[in-house]
Each structure stands twice: as structure tokens, then as C-alpha cells.
Amino acid sequence: EDNYYMTLNDKEKVYTVSGTILDTISYELNDFLQK
């Protein structure tokens, strides 16, 4: 739905987390350029 399955480090636990977290990486390099 609007979430993602996620785990971390040793992958022992699995969570669902909001998909908006990944919005912060949805850019190309030029988008990070400070004009």
C-alpha cells in the first residue's frame, strides 16, 4: 500500500514503515545542487 517492508542491520526483525521516508532520496545529483 503506502508503506514499505523494512529491516536493518542483522535483519532479525521486519517492519512496515511509511513510504514517505524514501521521498528524501528520490532525486538526481543535480537536484542536490545549491544554486
PDB file of all heavy atoms in Angstrom:
ATOM      1  N   GLU A   1       0.852  -1.188   0.000  1.00  0.00           N
ATOM      2  CA  GLU A   1       0.000   0.000   0.000  1.00  0.00           C
ATOM      3  C   GLU A   1       0.891   1.243   0.000  1.00  0.00           C
ATOM      4  O   GLU A   1       1.702   1.404  -0.889  1.00  0.00           O
ATOM      5  CB  GLU A   1      -0.963  -0.043   1.191  1.00  0.00           C
ATOM      6  CG  GLU A   1      -1.963  -1.201   1.094  1.00  0.00           C
ATOM      7  CD  GLU A   1      -2.940  -1.237   2.246  1.00  0.00           C
ATOM      8  OE1 GLU A   1      -2.749  -0.514   3.247  1.00  0.00           O
ATOM      9  OE2 GLU A   1      -3.923  -1.995   2.136  1.00  0.00           O
ATOM     10  N   ASP A   2       0.774   2.121   1.013  1.00  0.00           N
ATOM     11  CA  ASP A   2       1.597   3.339   1.050  1.00  0.00           C
ATOM     12  C   ASP A   2       2.879   3.143   1.851  1.00  0.00           C
ATOM     13  O   ASP A   2       3.605   4.110   2.120  1.00  0.00           O
ATOM     14  CB  ASP A   2       0.797   4.495   1.666  1.00  0.00           C
ATOM     15  CG  ASP A   2      -0.382   4.892   0.798  1.00  0.00           C
ATOM     16  OD1 ASP A   2      -0.278   4.748  -0.434  1.00  0.00           O
ATOM     17  OD2 ASP A   2      -1.406   5.341   1.352  1.00  0.00           O
ATOM     18  N   ASN A   3       3.153   1.910   2.234  1.00  0.00           N
ATOM     19  CA  ASN A   3       4.301   1.629   3.090  1.00  0.00           C
ATOM     20  C   ASN A   3       5.300   0.714   2.393  1.00  0.00           C
ATOM     21  O   ASN A   3       5.071   0.257   1.276  1.00  0.00           O
ATOM     22  CB  ASN A   3       3.821   0.981   4.404  1.00  0.00           C
ATOM     23  CG  ASN A   3       2.764   1.809   5.104  1.00  0.00           C
ATOM     24  OD1 ASN A   3       2.902   3.029   5.215  1.00  0.00           O
ATOM     25  ND2 ASN A   3       1.700   1.175   5.575  1.00  0.00           N
ATOM     26  N   TYR A   4       6.406   0.452   3.095  1.00  0.00           N
ATOM     27  CA  TYR A   4       7.424  -0.479   2.607  1.00  0.00           C
ATOM     28  C   TYR A   4       7.795  -1.434   3.724  1.00  0.00           C
ATOM     29  O   TYR A   4       7.783  -1.061   4.898  1.00  0.00           O
ATOM     30  CB  TYR A   4       8.696   0.270   2.178  1.00  0.00           C
ATOM     31  CG  TYR A   4       8.649   0.840   0.774  1.00  0.00           C
ATOM     32  CD1 TYR A   4       8.113   2.098   0.546  1.00  0.00           C
ATOM     33  CD2 TYR A   4       9.152   0.128  -0.310  1.00  0.00           C
ATOM     34  CE1 TYR A   4       8.070   2.638  -0.739  1.00  0.00           C
ATOM     35  CE2 TYR A   4       9.114   0.659  -1.593  1.00  0.00           C
ATOM     36  CZ  TYR A   4       8.571   1.903  -1.799  1.00  0.00           C
ATOM     37  OH  TYR A   4       8.520   2.414  -3.060  1.00  0.00           O
ATOM     38  N   TYR A   5       8.144  -2.676   3.320  1.00  0.00           N
ATOM     39  CA  TYR A   5       8.743  -3.582   4.285  1.00  0.00           C
ATOM     40  C   TYR A   5      10.177  -3.118   4.506  1.00  0.00           C
ATOM     41  O   TYR A   5      10.875  -2.731   3.570  1.00  0.00           O
ATOM     42  CB  TYR A   5       8.741  -5.022   3.770  1.00  0.00           C
ATOM     43  CG  TYR A   5       7.369  -5.654   3.740  1.00  0.00           C
ATOM     44  CD1 TYR A   5       6.773  -6.012   2.534  1.00  0.00           C
ATOM     45  CD2 TYR A   5       6.672  -5.903   4.931  1.00  0.00           C
ATOM     46  CE1 TYR A   5       5.517  -6.597   2.510  1.00  0.00           C
ATOM     47  CE2 TYR A   5       5.416  -6.488   4.903  1.00  0.00           C
ATOM     48  CZ  TYR A   5       4.844  -6.824   3.698  1.00  0.00           C
ATOM     49  OH  TYR A   5       3.588  -7.396   3.678  1.00  0.00           O
ATOM     50  N   MET A   6      10.603  -3.187   5.747  1.00  0.00           N
ATOM     51  CA  MET A   6      11.943  -2.707   6.073  1.00  0.00           C
ATOM     52  C   MET A   6      12.559  -3.560   7.179  1.00  0.00           C
ATOM     53  O   MET A   6      11.857  -4.085   8.047  1.00  0.00           O
ATOM     54  CB  MET A   6      11.867  -1.254   6.549  1.00  0.00           C
ATOM     55  CG  MET A   6      13.215  -0.650   6.882  1.00  0.00           C
ATOM     56  SD  MET A   6      13.061   0.713   8.057  1.00  0.00           S
ATOM     57  CE  MET A   6      14.613   0.537   8.917  1.00  0.00           C
ATOM     58  N   THR A   7      13.869  -3.709   7.111  1.00  0.00           N
ATOM     59  CA  THR A   7      14.628  -4.322   8.190  1.00  0.00           C
ATOM     60  C   THR A   7      15.946  -3.574   8.305  1.00  0.00           C
ATOM     61  O   THR A   7      16.212  -2.651   7.525  1.00  0.00           O
ATOM     62  CB  THR A   7      14.843  -5.832   7.932  1.00  0.00           C
ATOM     63  OG1 THR A   7      15.448  -6.413   9.089  1.00  0.00           O
ATOM     64  CG2 THR A   7      15.734  -6.071   6.725  1.00  0.00           C
ATOM     65  N   LEU A   8      16.757  -3.937   9.278  1.00  0.00           N
ATOM     66  CA  LEU A   8      18.036  -3.239   9.423  1.00  0.00           C
ATOM     67  C   LEU A   8      19.079  -4.156  10.037  1.00  0.00           C
ATOM     68  O   LEU A   8      18.766  -5.159  10.677  1.00  0.00           O
ATOM     69  CB  LEU A   8      17.892  -1.972  10.254  1.00  0.00           C
ATOM     70  CG  LEU A   8      17.626  -2.057  11.762  1.00  0.00           C
ATOM     71  CD1 LEU A   8      17.926  -0.703  12.396  1.00  0.00           C
ATOM     72  CD2 LEU A   8      16.210  -2.461  12.083  1.00  0.00           C
ATOM     73  N   ASN A   9      20.308  -3.790   9.810  1.00  0.00           N
ATOM     74  CA  ASN A   9      21.484  -4.481  10.350  1.00  0.00           C
ATOM     75  C   ASN A   9      21.433  -5.994  10.155  1.00  0.00           C
ATOM     76  O   ASN A   9      21.628  -6.489   9.059  1.00  0.00           O
ATOM     77  CB  ASN A   9      21.682  -4.096  11.819  1.00  0.00           C
ATOM     78  CG  ASN A   9      22.028  -2.618  11.967  1.00  0.00           C
ATOM     79  OD1 ASN A   9      22.535  -1.987  11.037  1.00  0.00           O
ATOM     80  ND2 ASN A   9      21.746  -2.045  13.123  1.00  0.00           N
ATOM     81  N   ASP A  10      21.132  -6.755  11.222  1.00  0.00           N
ATOM     82  CA  ASP A  10      21.170  -8.218  11.150  1.00  0.00           C
ATOM     83  C   ASP A  10      19.917  -8.825  10.528  1.00  0.00           C
ATOM     84  O   ASP A  10      19.797 -10.052  10.409  1.00  0.00           O
ATOM     85  CB  ASP A  10      21.392  -8.823  12.538  1.00  0.00           C
ATOM     86  CG  ASP A  10      20.380  -8.316  13.566  1.00  0.00           C
ATOM     87  OD1 ASP A  10      19.337  -7.757  13.150  1.00  0.00           O
ATOM     88  OD2 ASP A  10      20.627  -8.464  14.774  1.00  0.00           O
ATOM     89  N   LYS A  11      18.948  -7.997  10.175  1.00  0.00           N
ATOM     90  CA  LYS A  11      17.712  -8.432   9.515  1.00  0.00           C
ATOM     91  C   LYS A  11      16.871  -9.394  10.359  1.00  0.00           C
ATOM     92  O   LYS A  11      16.127 -10.217   9.842  1.00  0.00           O
ATOM     93  CB  LYS A  11      18.019  -9.090   8.156  1.00  0.00           C
ATOM     94  CG  LYS A  11      18.711  -8.166   7.161  1.00  0.00           C
ATOM     95  CD  LYS A  11      18.858  -8.836   5.804  1.00  0.00           C
ATOM     96  CE  LYS A  11      19.483  -7.891   4.776  1.00  0.00           C
ATOM     97  NZ  LYS A  11      19.609  -8.526   3.445  1.00  0.00           N
ATOM     98  N   GLU A  12      16.963  -9.282  11.657  1.00  0.00           N
ATOM     99  CA  GLU A  12      16.191 -10.167  12.527  1.00  0.00           C
ATOM    100  C   GLU A  12      14.717  -9.777  12.597  1.00  0.00           C
ATOM    101  O   GLU A  12      13.848 -10.633  12.707  1.00  0.00           O
ATOM    102  CB  GLU A  12      16.780 -10.166  13.948  1.00  0.00           C
ATOM    103  CG  GLU A  12      18.041 -11.006  14.085  1.00  0.00           C
ATOM    104  CD  GLU A  12      18.436 -11.199  15.535  1.00  0.00           C
ATOM    105  OE1 GLU A  12      17.718 -10.677  16.418  1.00  0.00           O
ATOM    106  OE2 GLU A  12      19.447 -11.863  15.779  1.00  0.00           O
ATOM    107  N   LYS A  13      14.432  -8.476  12.546  1.00  0.00           N
ATOM    108  CA  LYS A  13      13.054  -8.010  12.651  1.00  0.00           C
ATOM    109  C   LYS A  13      12.619  -7.348  11.347  1.00  0.00           C
ATOM    110  O   LYS A  13      13.430  -6.710  10.661  1.00  0.00           O
ATOM    111  CB  LYS A  13      12.907  -7.018  13.808  1.00  0.00           C
ATOM    112  CG  LYS A  13      13.169  -7.635  15.173  1.00  0.00           C
ATOM    113  CD  LYS A  13      12.966  -6.607  16.278  1.00  0.00           C
ATOM    114  CE  LYS A  13      13.180  -7.232  17.656  1.00  0.00           C
ATOM    115  NZ  LYS A  13      12.975  -6.241  18.744  1.00  0.00           N
ATOM    116  N   VAL A  14      11.348  -7.496  11.032  1.00  0.00           N
ATOM    117  CA  VAL A  14      10.788  -6.891   9.826  1.00  0.00           C
ATOM    118  C   VAL A  14       9.667  -5.944  10.235  1.00  0.00           C
ATOM    119  O   VAL A  14       8.843  -6.276  11.095  1.00  0.00           O
ATOM    120  CB  VAL A  14      10.242  -7.962   8.858  1.00  0.00           C
ATOM    121  CG1 VAL A  14       9.577  -7.301   7.652  1.00  0.00           C
ATOM    122  CG2 VAL A  14      11.370  -8.890   8.402  1.00  0.00           C
ATOM    123  N   TYR A  15       9.660  -4.774   9.602  1.00  0.00           N
ATOM    124  CA  TYR A  15       8.668  -3.752   9.919  1.00  0.00           C
ATOM    125  C   TYR A  15       7.988  -3.296   8.629  1.00  0.00           C
ATOM    126  O   TYR A  15       8.486  -3.541   7.526  1.00  0.00           O
ATOM    127  CB  TYR A  15       9.326  -2.520  10.557  1.00  0.00           C
ATOM    128  CG  TYR A  15      10.244  -2.814  11.709  1.00  0.00           C
ATOM    129  CD1 TYR A  15      11.608  -3.062  11.496  1.00  0.00           C
ATOM    130  CD2 TYR A  15       9.775  -2.809  13.021  1.00  0.00           C
ATOM    131  CE1 TYR A  15      12.471  -3.313  12.554  1.00  0.00           C
ATOM    132  CE2 TYR A  15      10.632  -3.055  14.091  1.00  0.00           C
ATOM    133  CZ  TYR A  15      11.977  -3.313  13.850  1.00  0.00           C
ATOM    134  OH  TYR A  15      12.820  -3.562  14.905  1.00  0.00           O
ATOM    135  N   THR A  16       6.868  -2.606   8.792  1.00  0.00           N
ATOM    136  CA  THR A  16       6.353  -1.790   7.695  1.00  0.00           C
ATOM    137  C   THR A  16       6.532  -0.346   8.133  1.00  0.00           C
ATOM    138  O   THR A  16       6.243   0.005   9.289  1.00  0.00           O
ATOM    139  CB  THR A  16       4.865  -2.077   7.390  1.00  0.00           C
ATOM    140  OG1 THR A  16       4.079  -1.889   8.567  1.00  0.00           O
ATOM    141  CG2 THR A  16       4.692  -3.466   6.858  1.00  0.00           C
ATOM    142  N   VAL A  17       7.032   0.471   7.222  1.00  0.00           N
ATOM    143  CA  VAL A  17       7.277   1.880   7.532  1.00  0.00           C
ATOM    144  C   VAL A  17       6.692   2.741   6.420  1.00  0.00           C
ATOM    145  O   VAL A  17       6.488   2.276   5.290  1.00  0.00           O
ATOM    146  CB  VAL A  17       8.787   2.181   7.691  1.00  0.00           C
ATOM    147  CG1 VAL A  17       9.381   1.393   8.850  1.00  0.00           C
ATOM    148  CG2 VAL A  17       9.540   1.870   6.403  1.00  0.00           C
ATOM    149  N   SER A  18       6.448   3.974   6.722  1.00  0.00           N
ATOM    150  CA  SER A  18       5.848   4.890   5.750  1.00  0.00           C
ATOM    151  C   SER A  18       6.742   5.060   4.526  1.00  0.00           C
ATOM    152  O   SER A  18       7.959   5.247   4.634  1.00  0.00           O
ATOM    153  CB  SER A  18       5.610   6.258   6.398  1.00  0.00           C
ATOM    154  OG  SER A  18       5.204   7.204   5.431  1.00  0.00           O
ATOM    155  N   GLY A  19       6.116   5.015   3.359  1.00  0.00           N
ATOM    156  CA  GLY A  19       6.860   5.189   2.115  1.00  0.00           C
ATOM    157  C   GLY A  19       7.429   6.578   1.931  1.00  0.00           C
ATOM    158  O   GLY A  19       8.336   6.786   1.121  1.00  0.00           O
ATOM    159  N   THR A  20       6.909   7.558   2.687  1.00  0.00           N
ATOM    160  CA  THR A  20       7.414   8.938   2.557  1.00  0.00           C
ATOM    161  C   THR A  20       8.868   9.053   2.977  1.00  0.00           C
ATOM    162  O   THR A  20       9.545  10.006   2.591  1.00  0.00           O
ATOM    163  CB  THR A  20       6.563   9.908   3.386  1.00  0.00           C
ATOM    164  OG1 THR A  20       6.599   9.521   4.770  1.00  0.00           O
ATOM    165  CG2 THR A  20       5.118   9.924   2.907  1.00  0.00           C
ATOM    166  N   ILE A  21       9.349   8.105   3.767  1.00  0.00           N
ATOM    167  CA  ILE A  21      10.752   8.135   4.199  1.00  0.00           C
ATOM    168  C   ILE A  21      11.674   8.135   2.985  1.00  0.00           C
ATOM    169  O   ILE A  21      12.704   8.823   2.965  1.00  0.00           O
ATOM    170  CB  ILE A  21      11.056   6.929   5.111  1.00  0.00           C
ATOM    171  CG1 ILE A  21      10.281   7.045   6.424  1.00  0.00           C
ATOM    172  CG2 ILE A  21      12.556   6.815   5.399  1.00  0.00           C
ATOM    173  CD1 ILE A  21      10.335   5.792   7.273  1.00  0.00           C
ATOM    174  N   LEU A  22      11.292   7.369   1.957  1.00  0.00           N
ATOM    175  CA  LEU A  22      12.144   7.241   0.777  1.00  0.00           C
ATOM    176  C   LEU A  22      12.044   8.429  -0.172  1.00  0.00           C
ATOM    177  O   LEU A  22      12.817   8.534  -1.114  1.00  0.00           O
ATOM    178  CB  LEU A  22      11.811   5.951   0.033  1.00  0.00           C
ATOM    179  CG  LEU A  22      12.179   4.655   0.780  1.00  0.00           C
ATOM    180  CD1 LEU A  22      11.632   3.443   0.047  1.00  0.00           C
ATOM    181  CD2 LEU A  22      13.685   4.539   0.945  1.00  0.00           C
ATOM    182  N   ASP A  23      11.092   9.327   0.098  1.00  0.00           N
ATOM    183  CA  ASP A  23      10.985  10.525  -0.748  1.00  0.00           C
ATOM    184  C   ASP A  23      12.269  11.341  -0.704  1.00  0.00           C
ATOM    185  O   ASP A  23      12.610  12.035  -1.672  1.00  0.00           O
ATOM    186  CB  ASP A  23       9.817  11.405  -0.287  1.00  0.00           C
ATOM    187  CG  ASP A  23       8.464  10.773  -0.604  1.00  0.00           C
ATOM    188  OD1 ASP A  23       8.432   9.803  -1.379  1.00  0.00           O
ATOM    189  OD2 ASP A  23       7.453  11.248  -0.052  1.00  0.00           O
ATOM    190  N   THR A  24      12.992  11.255   0.417  1.00  0.00           N
ATOM    191  CA  THR A  24      14.184  12.096   0.589  1.00  0.00           C
ATOM    192  C   THR A  24      15.350  11.682  -0.300  1.00  0.00           C
ATOM    193  O   THR A  24      16.304  12.450  -0.471  1.00  0.00           O
ATOM    194  CB  THR A  24      14.652  12.094   2.061  1.00  0.00           C
ATOM    195  OG1 THR A  24      14.940  10.745   2.472  1.00  0.00           O
ATOM    196  CG2 THR A  24      13.587  12.682   2.973  1.00  0.00           C
ATOM    197  N   ILE A  25      15.306  10.474  -0.874  1.00  0.00           N
ATOM    198  CA  ILE A  25      16.402  10.049  -1.763  1.00  0.00           C
ATOM    199  C   ILE A  25      15.965  10.030  -3.222  1.00  0.00           C
ATOM    200  O   ILE A  25      16.756   9.661  -4.101  1.00  0.00           O
ATOM    201  CB  ILE A  25      16.968   8.667  -1.371  1.00  0.00           C
ATOM    202  CG1 ILE A  25      15.915   7.569  -1.572  1.00  0.00           C
ATOM    203  CG2 ILE A  25      17.494   8.671   0.057  1.00  0.00           C
ATOM    204  CD1 ILE A  25      16.487   6.163  -1.478  1.00  0.00           C
ATOM    205  N   SER A  26      14.740  10.418  -3.492  1.00  0.00           N
ATOM    206  CA  SER A  26      14.202  10.323  -4.856  1.00  0.00           C
ATOM    207  C   SER A  26      14.636  11.501  -5.729  1.00  0.00           C
ATOM    208  O   SER A  26      13.813  12.218  -6.302  1.00  0.00           O
ATOM    209  CB  SER A  26      12.669  10.240  -4.800  1.00  0.00           C
ATOM    210  OG  SER A  26      12.267   9.146  -4.021  1.00  0.00           O
ATOM    211  N   TYR A  27      15.944  11.700  -5.826  1.00  0.00           N
ATOM    212  CA  TYR A  27      16.473  12.834  -6.582  1.00  0.00           C
ATOM    213  C   TYR A  27      17.701  12.428  -7.371  1.00  0.00           C
ATOM    214  O   TYR A  27      18.415  11.484  -7.015  1.00  0.00           O
ATOM    215  CB  TYR A  27      16.874  13.974  -5.639  1.00  0.00           C
ATOM    216  CG  TYR A  27      15.738  14.528  -4.817  1.00  0.00           C
ATOM    217  CD1 TYR A  27      15.565  14.146  -3.492  1.00  0.00           C
ATOM    218  CD2 TYR A  27      14.837  15.445  -5.363  1.00  0.00           C
ATOM    219  CE1 TYR A  27      14.521  14.657  -2.726  1.00  0.00           C
ATOM    220  CE2 TYR A  27      13.796  15.964  -4.610  1.00  0.00           C
ATOM    221  CZ  TYR A  27      13.653  15.566  -3.285  1.00  0.00           C
ATOM    222  OH  TYR A  27      12.612  16.064  -2.537  1.00  0.00           O
ATOM    223  N   GLU A  28      17.955  13.171  -8.445  1.00  0.00           N
ATOM    224  CA  GLU A  28      19.204  13.035  -9.168  1.00  0.00           C
ATOM    225  C   GLU A  28      20.229  13.978  -8.543  1.00  0.00           C
ATOM    226  O   GLU A  28      19.870  14.868  -7.761  1.00  0.00           O
ATOM    227  CB  GLU A  28      19.006  13.386 -10.643  1.00  0.00           C
ATOM    228  CG  GLU A  28      18.041  12.450 -11.366  1.00  0.00           C
ATOM    229  CD  GLU A  28      17.843  12.832 -12.821  1.00  0.00           C
ATOM    230  OE1 GLU A  28      18.432  13.855 -13.248  1.00  0.00           O
ATOM    231  OE2 GLU A  28      17.115  12.122 -13.516  1.00  0.00           O
ATOM    232  N   LEU A  29      21.479  13.810  -8.903  1.00  0.00           N
ATOM    233  CA  LEU A  29      22.535  14.606  -8.275  1.00  0.00           C
ATOM    234  C   LEU A  29      22.301  16.105  -8.438  1.00  0.00           C
ATOM    235  O   LEU A  29      22.482  16.876  -7.491  1.00  0.00           O
ATOM    236  CB  LEU A  29      23.905  14.223  -8.853  1.00  0.00           C
ATOM    237  CG  LEU A  29      25.107  14.969  -8.247  1.00  0.00           C
ATOM    238  CD1 LEU A  29      25.212  14.707  -6.748  1.00  0.00           C
ATOM    239  CD2 LEU A  29      26.396  14.575  -8.949  1.00  0.00           C
ATOM    240  N   ASN A  30      21.881  16.539  -9.636  1.00  0.00           N
ATOM    241  CA  ASN A  30      21.687  17.968  -9.870  1.00  0.00           C
ATOM    242  C   ASN A  30      20.613  18.579  -8.972  1.00  0.00           C
ATOM    243  O   ASN A  30      20.600  19.783  -8.741  1.00  0.00           O
ATOM    244  CB  ASN A  30      21.344  18.234 -11.337  1.00  0.00           C
ATOM    245  CG  ASN A  30      22.583  18.266 -12.219  1.00  0.00           C
ATOM    246  OD1 ASN A  30      23.702  18.397 -11.721  1.00  0.00           O
ATOM    247  ND2 ASN A  30      22.399  18.131 -13.512  1.00  0.00           N
ATOM    248  N   ASP A  31      19.702  17.728  -8.479  1.00  0.00           N
ATOM    249  CA  ASP A  31      18.673  18.229  -7.564  1.00  0.00           C
ATOM    250  C   ASP A  31      19.277  18.644  -6.224  1.00  0.00           C
ATOM    251  O   ASP A  31      18.703  19.448  -5.499  1.00  0.00           O
ATOM    252  CB  ASP A  31      17.591  17.162  -7.329  1.00  0.00           C
ATOM    253  CG  ASP A  31      16.822  16.847  -8.596  1.00  0.00           C
ATOM    254  OD1 ASP A  31      16.495  17.792  -9.335  1.00  0.00           O
ATOM    255  OD2 ASP A  31      16.556  15.661  -8.852  1.00  0.00           O
ATOM    256  N   PHE A  32      20.431  18.063  -5.886  1.00  0.00           N
ATOM    257  CA  PHE A  32      21.095  18.389  -4.623  1.00  0.00           C
ATOM    258  C   PHE A  32      21.999  19.618  -4.741  1.00  0.00           C
ATOM    259  O   PHE A  32      22.612  20.035  -3.763  1.00  0.00           O
ATOM    260  CB  PHE A  32      21.942  17.202  -4.141  1.00  0.00           C
ATOM    261  CG  PHE A  32      21.135  16.005  -3.733  1.00  0.00           C
ATOM    262  CD1 PHE A  32      21.264  14.809  -4.421  1.00  0.00           C
ATOM    263  CD2 PHE A  32      20.253  16.059  -2.669  1.00  0.00           C
ATOM    264  CE1 PHE A  32      20.523  13.695  -4.051  1.00  0.00           C
ATOM    265  CE2 PHE A  32      19.509  14.941  -2.292  1.00  0.00           C
ATOM    266  CZ  PHE A  32      19.651  13.763  -2.977  1.00  0.00           C
ATOM    267  N   LEU A  33      22.095  20.157  -5.945  1.00  0.00           N
ATOM    268  CA  LEU A  33      22.994  21.293  -6.164  1.00  0.00           C
ATOM    269  C   LEU A  33      22.374  22.596  -5.654  1.00  0.00           C
ATOM    270  O   LEU A  33      21.247  22.931  -6.000  1.00  0.00           O
ATOM    271  CB  LEU A  33      23.320  21.408  -7.651  1.00  0.00           C
ATOM    272  CG  LEU A  33      24.350  22.468  -8.050  1.00  0.00           C
ATOM    273  CD1 LEU A  33      25.197  21.953  -9.211  1.00  0.00           C
ATOM    274  CD2 LEU A  33      23.671  23.776  -8.468  1.00  0.00           C
ATOM    275  N   GLN A  34      23.123  23.303  -4.817  1.00  0.00           N
ATOM    276  CA  GLN A  34      22.661  24.574  -4.278  1.00  0.00           C
ATOM    277  C   GLN A  34      23.026  25.705  -5.233  1.00  0.00           C
ATOM    278  O   GLN A  34      24.183  26.079  -5.376  1.00  0.00           O
ATOM    279  CB  GLN A  34      23.297  24.844  -2.905  1.00  0.00           C
ATOM    280  CG  GLN A  34      22.875  26.156  -2.258  1.00  0.00           C
ATOM    281  CD  GLN A  34      21.398  26.191  -1.944  1.00  0.00           C
ATOM    282  OE1 GLN A  34      20.917  25.421  -1.131  1.00  0.00           O
ATOM    283  NE2 GLN A  34      20.657  27.079  -2.594  1.00  0.00           N
ATOM    284  N   LYS A  35      22.008  26.240  -5.903  1.00  0.00           N
ATOM    285  CA  LYS A  35      22.263  27.368  -6.810  1.00  0.00           C
ATOM    286  C   LYS A  35      22.470  28.650  -6.013  1.00  0.00           C
ATOM    287  O   LYS A  35      21.991  28.793  -4.886  1.00  0.00           O
ATOM    288  CB  LYS A  35      21.073  27.568  -7.746  1.00  0.00           C
ATOM    289  CG  LYS A  35      20.855  26.467  -8.766  1.00  0.00           C
ATOM    290  CD  LYS A  35      19.676  26.842  -9.656  1.00  0.00           C
ATOM    291  CE  LYS A  35      19.338  25.753 -10.644  1.00  0.00           C
ATOM    292  NZ  LYS A  35      18.179  26.134 -11.489  1.00  0.00           N
TER     293      LYS A  35
END
